C-alpha cells in the first residue's frame, strides 16, 4: 500500500487531478469532432479494413487517403471532418509498383502534397516491416517501430495506413496477449501524436466460400473487438462483366446518421470507386429479396418440422 511521502503517491495525486472527472465536467469540450471521415474513419482510433487478399483494399485505402488529405467529401456524400496529412506505409509493394497506384489516384484527384508514403521494401530501407519482435520471452519494439514513430512525429498525420497488418504484426496472430501489446503500441502513438490508424487486414481464405458480409475473421478477437470500427470490402463481377465493390460497416462505436446507408455498392474502374445510384439500389433490392427468400425457406422448414413432430403424438 502506498504511504505518505512515497514519490509515486505524490505523482498519483497529480494524475488524479488531471484524469478523474466528476459527473458531466464542464471543462470537457462538447464540440469535440469524433470523425476524420464520417462514417468510415473515426478520430484517434483504430479502424480495420477487412477483405480478401487481392480484392482491392489498397485501392480503397488510397481513395480514402486522398479524400482525407484533400478535404473532399467521399463519393460526394460522406464528409471529411478533419482534413489533414496522411501517411501510407506499404510492406507489400516496392516503390516502383506502388507509385503506379499513386499515379492513377492522382489523375483522379489532382496533385496532393498532403499525402506521404513509403515502402519497407525500398532498397535503401535497412530494416524489415515488423513493428514488434519476440526474443526469448520478451516482446520488443523493432527499429521499424522507432522509424515509424519518428516519421509520425515529423509528418504529423491525421491518419496512418498500414498495408497490410500481417506484415507489421509478426507475432502469433491468435495470441490475445501479443495482439493486445500491438494495439497498445498504436494506442500510445494515438495519444501522443493525435492520429488515427487504418489497418488493412486479410480475411481468412474460408471467407471465399462464405456468403456472409463479414466472412470469417482471421486472428485474435482483440484485433476485431478493440478496433473502434471495422469495414468489410468485397469485390465481385456482375452479369454484364462489370466489376463492383461492396462496402459494409460491420462495427461502428460512434454514431453517424450516414451508417444507415451501408452497405453501399460501388462501380470500379481503373483504380476508381464510383457511386452509381442505380447499381446501389439494384444490388440492395437483390440482397433484400435473397434475405426474404432465405427467411421464407427457414419458416417453411420450421413448419414442416412441427408437422412431422405432431404426427408422432
Protein backbone atom coordinates (compact mmCIF):
# COMPACT_ATOMS: atom_id res chain seq x y z
CA UNK A 1 0.00 0.00 0.00
CA UNK A 2 1.26 3.49 -0.85
CA UNK A 3 2.14 5.73 2.11
CA UNK A 4 2.59 9.47 2.56
CA UNK A 5 6.00 10.54 1.34
CA UNK A 6 6.10 7.89 -1.37
CA UNK A 7 7.13 9.61 -4.61
CA UNK A 8 4.64 7.52 -6.58
CA UNK A 9 1.82 8.60 -4.29
CA UNK A 10 2.57 12.25 -4.99
CA UNK A 11 2.65 11.54 -8.73
CA UNK A 12 -0.67 9.68 -8.50
CA UNK A 13 -2.24 12.61 -6.66
CA UNK A 14 -1.27 14.91 -9.52
CA UNK A 15 -2.54 12.35 -12.03
CA UNK A 16 -5.89 12.20 -10.24
CA UNK A 17 -6.32 15.96 -10.68
CA UNK A 18 -5.75 15.59 -14.42
CA UNK A 19 -7.67 12.46 -15.42
CA UNK A 20 -10.51 11.98 -12.91
CA UNK A 21 -13.75 13.79 -13.80
CA UNK A 22 -16.81 14.23 -11.62
CA UNK A 23 -20.13 13.94 -13.39
CA UNK A 24 -20.61 15.96 -16.57
CA UNK A 25 -17.50 18.05 -16.07
CA UNK A 26 -17.92 21.49 -17.67
CA UNK A 27 -14.24 21.67 -18.64
CA UNK A 28 -14.59 18.97 -21.30
CA UNK A 29 -15.12 20.08 -24.90
CA UNK A 30 -18.65 19.25 -26.06
CA UNK A 31 -17.77 20.30 -29.62
CA UNK A 32 -15.15 17.56 -30.00
CA UNK A 33 -15.34 16.05 -33.51
CA UNK A 34 -15.37 12.24 -33.40
CA UNK A 35 -14.71 11.65 -37.10
CA UNK A 36 -11.90 12.10 -39.59
CA UNK A 37 -14.10 10.84 -42.42
CA UNK A 38 -17.72 10.23 -41.42
CA UNK A 39 -18.81 7.41 -41.08
CA UNK A 40 -15.71 5.45 -42.15
CA UNK A 41 -12.69 6.72 -40.18
CA UNK A 42 -13.13 7.76 -36.52
CA UNK A 43 -10.59 10.16 -34.99
CA UNK A 44 -7.86 8.97 -32.59
CA UNK A 45 -8.96 5.39 -33.15
CA UNK A 46 -8.02 2.13 -34.87
CA UNK A 47 -10.07 1.07 -37.89
CA UNK A 48 -9.82 -2.36 -39.51
CA UNK A 49 -10.37 -2.65 -43.27
CA UNK A 50 -11.08 -6.31 -43.82
CA UNK A 51 -11.20 -8.20 -47.10
CA UNK A 52 -9.68 -10.99 -49.14
CA UNK A 53 -6.17 -10.55 -50.49
CA UNK A 54 -6.25 -9.04 -53.96
CA UNK A 55 -9.82 -7.76 -53.59
CA UNK A 56 -8.84 -4.10 -53.90
CA UNK A 57 -8.44 -2.96 -50.28
CA UNK A 58 -5.30 -0.98 -51.11
CA UNK A 59 -7.16 0.97 -53.80
CA UNK A 60 -9.95 1.73 -51.34
CA UNK A 61 -7.44 2.84 -48.69
CA UNK A 62 -5.76 5.12 -51.23
CA UNK A 63 -9.15 6.54 -52.18
CA UNK A 64 -9.91 7.36 -48.54
CA UNK A 65 -6.38 8.74 -48.02
CA UNK A 66 -6.67 11.22 -50.88
CA UNK A 67 -10.16 12.23 -49.81
CA UNK A 68 -8.98 12.98 -46.26
CA UNK A 69 -5.76 14.75 -47.25
CA UNK A 70 -7.51 16.95 -49.83
CA UNK A 71 -10.66 17.54 -47.80
CA UNK A 72 -13.17 16.27 -50.38
CA UNK A 73 -16.46 14.62 -49.43
CA UNK A 74 -16.01 10.94 -50.22
CA UNK A 75 -18.15 9.97 -53.22
CA UNK A 76 -19.66 13.45 -52.86
CA UNK A 77 -21.70 12.07 -49.94
CA UNK A 78 -19.58 11.45 -46.86
CA UNK A 79 -17.86 14.45 -45.23
CA UNK A 80 -14.24 14.85 -44.17
CA UNK A 81 -14.47 16.36 -40.69
CA UNK A 82 -10.73 16.55 -40.01
CA UNK A 83 -8.69 17.27 -43.10
CA UNK A 84 -5.00 16.54 -42.64
CA UNK A 85 -1.85 14.81 -43.79
CA UNK A 86 -1.98 11.05 -44.42
CA UNK A 87 0.99 8.69 -44.07
CA UNK A 88 0.64 5.44 -46.02
CA UNK A 89 3.06 2.60 -45.26
CA UNK A 90 3.15 -0.38 -47.60
CA UNK A 91 5.03 -3.58 -46.88
CA UNK A 92 3.71 -5.42 -49.92
CA UNK A 93 4.85 -3.40 -52.95
CA UNK A 94 8.17 -1.94 -54.00
CA UNK A 95 8.16 1.84 -54.64
CA UNK A 96 8.20 1.40 -58.44
CA UNK A 97 4.95 -0.61 -58.27
CA UNK A 98 3.16 1.44 -55.62
CA UNK A 99 3.81 4.71 -57.43
CA UNK A 100 1.70 3.41 -60.33
CA UNK A 101 -1.26 3.29 -57.97
CA UNK A 102 -0.43 6.81 -56.81
CA UNK A 103 -0.29 8.00 -60.43
CA UNK A 104 -3.78 6.67 -61.13
CA UNK A 105 -5.31 8.12 -57.97
CA UNK A 106 -3.57 11.46 -58.64
CA UNK A 107 -5.05 11.52 -62.14
CA UNK A 108 -8.48 11.40 -60.49
CA UNK A 109 -7.97 13.80 -57.56
CA UNK A 110 -5.10 16.02 -58.73
CA UNK A 111 -1.72 16.72 -57.12
CA UNK A 112 -1.59 16.14 -53.38
CA UNK A 113 1.19 17.47 -51.17
CA UNK A 114 -0.56 16.17 -48.04
CA UNK A 115 -0.14 12.51 -48.96
CA UNK A 116 3.10 10.85 -47.82
CA UNK A 117 4.07 7.22 -48.32
CA UNK A 118 6.96 4.84 -48.06
CA UNK A 119 7.63 1.17 -48.70
CA UNK A 120 9.53 -1.04 -46.31
CA UNK A 121 10.71 -2.84 -49.48
CA UNK A 122 12.70 0.22 -50.60
CA UNK A 123 16.27 -0.98 -51.37
CA UNK A 124 17.67 1.79 -49.14
CA UNK A 125 15.46 0.86 -46.18
CA UNK A 126 17.69 -1.25 -43.91
CA UNK A 127 15.04 -2.89 -41.70
CA UNK A 128 12.17 -5.31 -42.03
CA UNK A 129 8.48 -4.48 -41.74
CA UNK A 130 7.74 -6.00 -38.29
CA UNK A 131 6.94 -3.48 -35.54
CA UNK A 132 7.34 -5.98 -32.71
CA UNK A 133 9.65 -8.96 -32.30
CA UNK A 134 9.85 -11.77 -29.76
CA UNK A 135 13.28 -12.51 -28.29
CA UNK A 136 13.18 -15.41 -25.84
CA UNK A 137 10.21 -14.49 -23.61
CA UNK A 138 10.39 -10.76 -24.25
CA UNK A 139 8.46 -8.79 -26.88
CA UNK A 140 10.31 -5.69 -28.01
CA UNK A 141 9.78 -2.86 -30.45
CA UNK A 142 11.85 -3.07 -33.60
CA UNK A 143 13.86 -0.43 -35.42
CA UNK A 144 10.98 -0.10 -37.85
CA UNK A 145 8.69 0.80 -34.93
CA UNK A 146 11.16 3.52 -33.93
CA UNK A 147 11.43 4.75 -37.51
CA UNK A 148 7.66 4.83 -37.93
CA UNK A 149 7.17 6.75 -34.69
CA UNK A 150 9.78 9.27 -35.83
CA UNK A 151 8.06 9.69 -39.21
CA UNK A 152 4.71 10.20 -37.45
CA UNK A 153 6.24 12.81 -35.12
CA UNK A 154 7.70 14.71 -38.09
CA UNK A 155 4.87 14.44 -40.63
CA UNK A 156 2.06 14.78 -38.06
CA UNK A 157 -0.55 12.77 -40.00
CA UNK A 158 -4.20 12.68 -39.05
CA UNK A 159 -4.27 9.14 -40.47
CA UNK A 160 -1.63 6.40 -40.72
CA UNK A 161 -2.36 3.47 -43.07
CA UNK A 162 -0.58 0.13 -42.53
CA UNK A 163 -0.82 -2.10 -45.61
CA UNK A 164 -1.16 -4.82 -44.62
CA UNK A 165 -1.33 -5.61 -40.92
CA UNK A 166 0.07 -9.14 -41.31
CA UNK A 167 3.39 -7.63 -42.42
CA UNK A 168 3.68 -5.31 -39.42
CA UNK A 169 2.35 -7.71 -36.80
CA UNK A 170 4.72 -10.67 -36.98
CA UNK A 171 3.83 -12.38 -33.72
CA UNK A 172 1.28 -15.14 -33.09
CA UNK A 173 -1.90 -13.68 -34.60
CA UNK A 174 -4.06 -15.97 -32.42
CA UNK A 175 -2.42 -14.92 -29.15
CA UNK A 176 -4.61 -12.29 -27.45
CA UNK A 177 -1.87 -11.06 -25.11
CA UNK A 178 0.52 -10.45 -28.00
CA UNK A 179 -2.21 -8.83 -30.10
CA UNK A 180 -3.00 -6.54 -27.16
CA UNK A 181 0.64 -5.40 -26.99
CA UNK A 182 0.49 -4.46 -30.69
CA UNK A 183 -2.68 -2.44 -30.18
CA UNK A 184 -1.28 -0.81 -27.01
CA UNK A 185 1.67 0.48 -29.05
CA UNK A 186 -0.67 2.00 -31.64
CA UNK A 187 -2.87 3.50 -28.91
CA UNK A 188 0.21 5.06 -27.30
CA UNK A 189 1.05 6.77 -30.60
CA UNK A 190 -2.58 7.85 -30.98
CA UNK A 191 -2.44 9.59 -27.59
CA UNK A 192 0.93 11.23 -28.20
CA UNK A 193 0.50 12.29 -31.83
CA UNK A 194 -3.30 12.73 -32.18
CA UNK A 195 -3.58 10.42 -35.17
CA UNK A 196 -5.77 7.54 -36.31
CA UNK A 197 -4.75 4.17 -37.76
CA UNK A 198 -6.28 2.26 -40.68
CA UNK A 199 -5.12 -1.36 -40.72
CA UNK A 200 -5.62 -3.42 -43.86
CA UNK A 201 -6.39 -6.98 -42.82
CA UNK A 202 -6.61 -10.08 -44.98
CA UNK A 203 -9.66 -12.20 -44.34
CA UNK A 204 -9.32 -15.90 -43.79
CA UNK A 205 -9.48 -17.79 -47.11
CA UNK A 206 -12.53 -19.61 -45.78
CA UNK A 207 -14.29 -16.32 -46.47
CA UNK A 208 -14.02 -17.07 -50.17
CA UNK A 209 -16.65 -19.74 -49.59
CA UNK A 210 -18.72 -17.61 -47.25
CA UNK A 211 -21.84 -15.76 -48.32
CA UNK A 212 -21.93 -13.65 -45.19
CA UNK A 213 -20.90 -9.99 -45.45
CA UNK A 214 -18.23 -10.25 -42.79
CA UNK A 215 -16.87 -13.62 -43.82
CA UNK A 216 -14.57 -15.38 -41.34
CA UNK A 217 -12.30 -13.20 -39.25
CA UNK A 218 -8.66 -14.26 -39.04
CA UNK A 219 -6.58 -13.84 -35.92
CA UNK A 220 -7.19 -12.87 -32.31
CA UNK A 221 -10.56 -11.42 -31.33
CA UNK A 222 -8.53 -8.49 -29.94
CA UNK A 223 -7.93 -7.16 -33.45
CA UNK A 224 -11.64 -7.08 -34.14
CA UNK A 225 -13.08 -6.03 -30.78
CA UNK A 226 -10.57 -3.35 -29.78
CA UNK A 227 -10.83 -1.57 -33.12
CA UNK A 228 -13.38 1.27 -32.95
CA UNK A 229 -14.59 0.48 -36.47
CA UNK A 230 -14.47 -2.48 -38.84
CA UNK A 231 -15.13 -2.09 -42.55
CA UNK A 232 -15.51 -5.10 -44.83
CA UNK A 233 -14.65 -4.89 -48.51
CA UNK A 234 -15.81 -7.33 -51.17
CA UNK A 235 -15.15 -7.48 -54.90
CA UNK A 236 -17.47 -9.24 -57.32
CA UNK A 237 -18.32 -9.38 -61.00
CA UNK A 238 -21.81 -8.57 -62.26
CA UNK A 239 -23.60 -10.48 -65.01
CA UNK A 240 -22.67 -7.79 -67.54
CA UNK A 241 -18.97 -8.23 -66.70
CA UNK A 242 -18.77 -5.02 -64.69
CA UNK A 243 -16.57 -5.09 -61.58
CA UNK A 244 -18.30 -3.86 -58.44
CA UNK A 245 -17.37 -3.42 -54.78
CA UNK A 246 -19.47 -3.88 -51.67
CA UNK A 247 -18.51 -1.72 -48.68
CA UNK A 248 -20.05 -2.70 -45.34
CA UNK A 249 -19.63 -1.25 -41.86
CA UNK A 250 -19.56 -4.35 -39.70
CA UNK A 251 -18.85 -2.46 -36.48
CA UNK A 252 -19.01 1.23 -35.52
CA UNK A 253 -18.60 2.54 -31.98
CA UNK A 254 -19.57 6.12 -32.81
CA UNK A 255 -22.95 7.31 -34.03
CA UNK A 256 -23.44 8.74 -37.50
CA UNK A 257 -26.69 9.13 -39.47
CA UNK A 258 -24.74 8.02 -42.55
CA UNK A 259 -24.24 4.49 -41.21
CA UNK A 260 -27.75 3.58 -42.35
CA UNK A 261 -26.56 3.99 -45.98
CA UNK A 262 -24.36 0.92 -45.65
CA UNK A 263 -23.68 -1.46 -47.21
CA UNK A 264 -23.10 0.53 -50.38
CA UNK A 265 -22.27 -0.83 -53.82
CA UNK A 266 -19.73 0.95 -56.00
CA UNK A 267 -18.61 0.61 -59.59
CA UNK A 268 -14.91 0.03 -60.07
CA UNK A 269 -12.95 1.44 -62.99
CA UNK A 270 -9.15 1.68 -63.25
CA UNK A 271 -8.37 2.50 -59.65
CA UNK A 272 -11.54 4.50 -59.11
CA UNK A 273 -14.57 3.84 -56.90
CA UNK A 274 -17.69 5.37 -58.43
CA UNK A 275 -21.05 5.75 -56.71
CA UNK A 276 -23.80 4.55 -59.06
CA UNK A 277 -27.22 5.12 -57.50
CA UNK A 278 -28.94 2.72 -59.90
CA UNK A 279 -26.42 -0.06 -59.19
CA UNK A 280 -26.58 0.56 -55.43
CA UNK A 281 -30.39 0.39 -55.34
CA UNK A 282 -30.49 -2.64 -57.64
CA UNK A 283 -27.99 -4.61 -55.54
CA UNK A 284 -29.71 -3.70 -52.27
CA UNK A 285 -33.02 -4.85 -53.71
CA UNK A 286 -31.46 -8.16 -54.74
CA UNK A 287 -29.97 -8.57 -51.26
CA UNK A 288 -33.37 -7.90 -49.70
CA UNK A 289 -35.04 -10.44 -51.99
CA UNK A 290 -32.40 -13.06 -51.11
CA UNK A 291 -32.88 -12.36 -47.43
CA UNK A 292 -36.68 -12.67 -47.70
CA UNK A 293 -36.36 -15.88 -49.71
CA UNK A 294 -33.99 -17.33 -47.12
CA UNK A 295 -36.35 -16.40 -44.28
CA UNK A 296 -39.31 -17.93 -46.11
CA UNK A 297 -37.35 -21.14 -46.64
CA UNK A 298 -36.46 -21.32 -42.95
CA UNK A 299 -40.08 -20.66 -42.00
CA UNK A 300 -41.32 -23.48 -44.24
CA UNK A 301 -38.69 -25.86 -42.86
CA UNK A 302 -39.81 -24.99 -39.34
CA UNK A 303 -43.48 -25.58 -40.22
CA UNK A 304 -42.66 -28.95 -41.79
CA UNK A 305 -40.67 -29.94 -38.72
CA UNK A 306 -43.60 -29.04 -36.45
CA UNK A 307 -45.98 -31.10 -38.63
CA UNK A 308 -43.67 -34.13 -38.50
CA UNK A 309 -43.38 -33.89 -34.74
CA UNK A 310 -47.15 -33.51 -34.29
CA UNK A 311 -47.75 -36.73 -36.27
CA UNK A 312 -45.64 -38.63 -33.76
CA UNK A 313 -48.01 -37.77 -30.90
